[in-house]
């Protein structure tokens, strides 16, 4: 196999791996954001339950 073809295959694999890692991080971050928002909403509801 010509080395240039092999190198391009590795480059493609590397970019896919990088993309998937980045995508996974983005998904994890969005789930963290959802949890934070959910936590904030629950706090607001608890505050509304006990009017001062």
C-alpha atoms as a PDB file:
ATOM      1  CA  UNK A   1       0.000   0.000   0.000  1.00  0.00           C
ATOM      2  CA  UNK A   2       1.421   3.423  -0.891  1.00  0.00           C
ATOM      3  CA  UNK A   3       2.432   5.374   2.224  1.00  0.00           C
ATOM      4  CA  UNK A   4       0.476   8.457   1.158  1.00  0.00           C
ATOM      5  CA  UNK A   5      -2.784   6.473   1.100  1.00  0.00           C
ATOM      6  CA  UNK A   6      -2.019   4.971   4.502  1.00  0.00           C
ATOM      7  CA  UNK A   7      -1.244   8.403   5.946  1.00  0.00           C
ATOM      8  CA  UNK A   8      -4.503   9.823   4.646  1.00  0.00           C
ATOM      9  CA  UNK A   9      -6.411   6.906   6.182  1.00  0.00           C
ATOM     10  CA  UNK A  10      -4.802   7.600   9.550  1.00  0.00           C
ATOM     11  CA  UNK A  11      -5.625  11.279   9.177  1.00  0.00           C
ATOM     12  CA  UNK A  12      -9.268  10.450   8.477  1.00  0.00           C
ATOM     13  CA  UNK A  13      -9.429   8.061  11.462  1.00  0.00           C
ATOM     14  CA  UNK A  14      -7.788  10.663  13.677  1.00  0.00           C
ATOM     15  CA  UNK A  15     -10.230  13.360  12.649  1.00  0.00           C
ATOM     16  CA  UNK A  16     -13.191  11.041  13.238  1.00  0.00           C
ATOM     17  CA  UNK A  17     -11.876  10.133  16.694  1.00  0.00           C
ATOM     18  CA  UNK A  18     -11.357  13.804  17.478  1.00  0.00           C
ATOM     19  CA  UNK A  19     -14.877  14.600  16.249  1.00  0.00           C
ATOM     20  CA  UNK A  20     -16.457  11.842  18.337  1.00  0.00           C
ATOM     21  CA  UNK A  21     -14.534  12.894  21.457  1.00  0.00           C
ATOM     22  CA  UNK A  22     -15.622  16.493  20.952  1.00  0.00           C
ATOM     23  CA  UNK A  23     -19.216  15.423  20.319  1.00  0.00           C
ATOM     24  CA  UNK A  24     -19.197  13.249  23.452  1.00  0.00           C
ATOM     25  CA  UNK A  25     -17.878  16.158  25.512  1.00  0.00           C
ATOM     26  CA  UNK A  26     -20.582  18.405  24.091  1.00  0.00           C
ATOM     27  CA  UNK A  27     -23.273  15.866  25.018  1.00  0.00           C
ATOM     28  CA  UNK A  28     -21.889  15.507  28.547  1.00  0.00           C
ATOM     29  CA  UNK A  29     -21.762  19.293  28.952  1.00  0.00           C
ATOM     30  CA  UNK A  30     -25.351  19.692  27.758  1.00  0.00           C
ATOM     31  CA  UNK A  31     -26.486  17.025  30.240  1.00  0.00           C
ATOM     32  CA  UNK A  32     -24.679  18.901  33.030  1.00  0.00           C
ATOM     33  CA  UNK A  33     -26.464  22.090  31.946  1.00  0.00           C
ATOM     34  CA  UNK A  34     -29.830  20.302  32.044  1.00  0.00           C
ATOM     35  CA  UNK A  35     -29.104  19.018  35.563  1.00  0.00           C
ATOM     36  CA  UNK A  36     -28.120  22.509  36.709  1.00  0.00           C
ATOM     37  CA  UNK A  37     -31.261  24.027  35.209  1.00  0.00           C
ATOM     38  CA  UNK A  38     -33.402  21.294  36.717  1.00  0.00           C
ATOM     39  CA  UNK A  39     -31.785  21.945  40.102  1.00  0.00           C
ATOM     40  CA  UNK A  40     -32.431  25.678  39.799  1.00  0.00           C
ATOM     41  CA  UNK A  41     -36.069  25.067  38.844  1.00  0.00           C
ATOM     42  CA  UNK A  42     -36.533  22.757  41.832  1.00  0.00           C
ATOM     43  CA  UNK A  43     -35.056  25.416  44.120  1.00  0.00           C
ATOM     44  CA  UNK A  44     -37.479  28.002  42.715  1.00  0.00           C
ATOM     45  CA  UNK A  45     -40.399  25.626  43.257  1.00  0.00           C
ATOM     46  CA  UNK A  46     -39.337  25.011  46.862  1.00  0.00           C
ATOM     47  CA  UNK A  47     -39.070  28.754  47.457  1.00  0.00           C
ATOM     48  CA  UNK A  48     -42.545  29.223  45.953  1.00  0.00           C
ATOM     49  CA  UNK A  49     -43.979  26.502  48.216  1.00  0.00           C
ATOM     50  CA  UNK A  50     -43.045  28.441  51.334  1.00  0.00           C
ATOM     51  CA  UNK A  51     -44.093  32.048  50.826  1.00  0.00           C
ATOM     52  CA  UNK A  52     -42.404  34.339  53.309  1.00  0.00           C
END
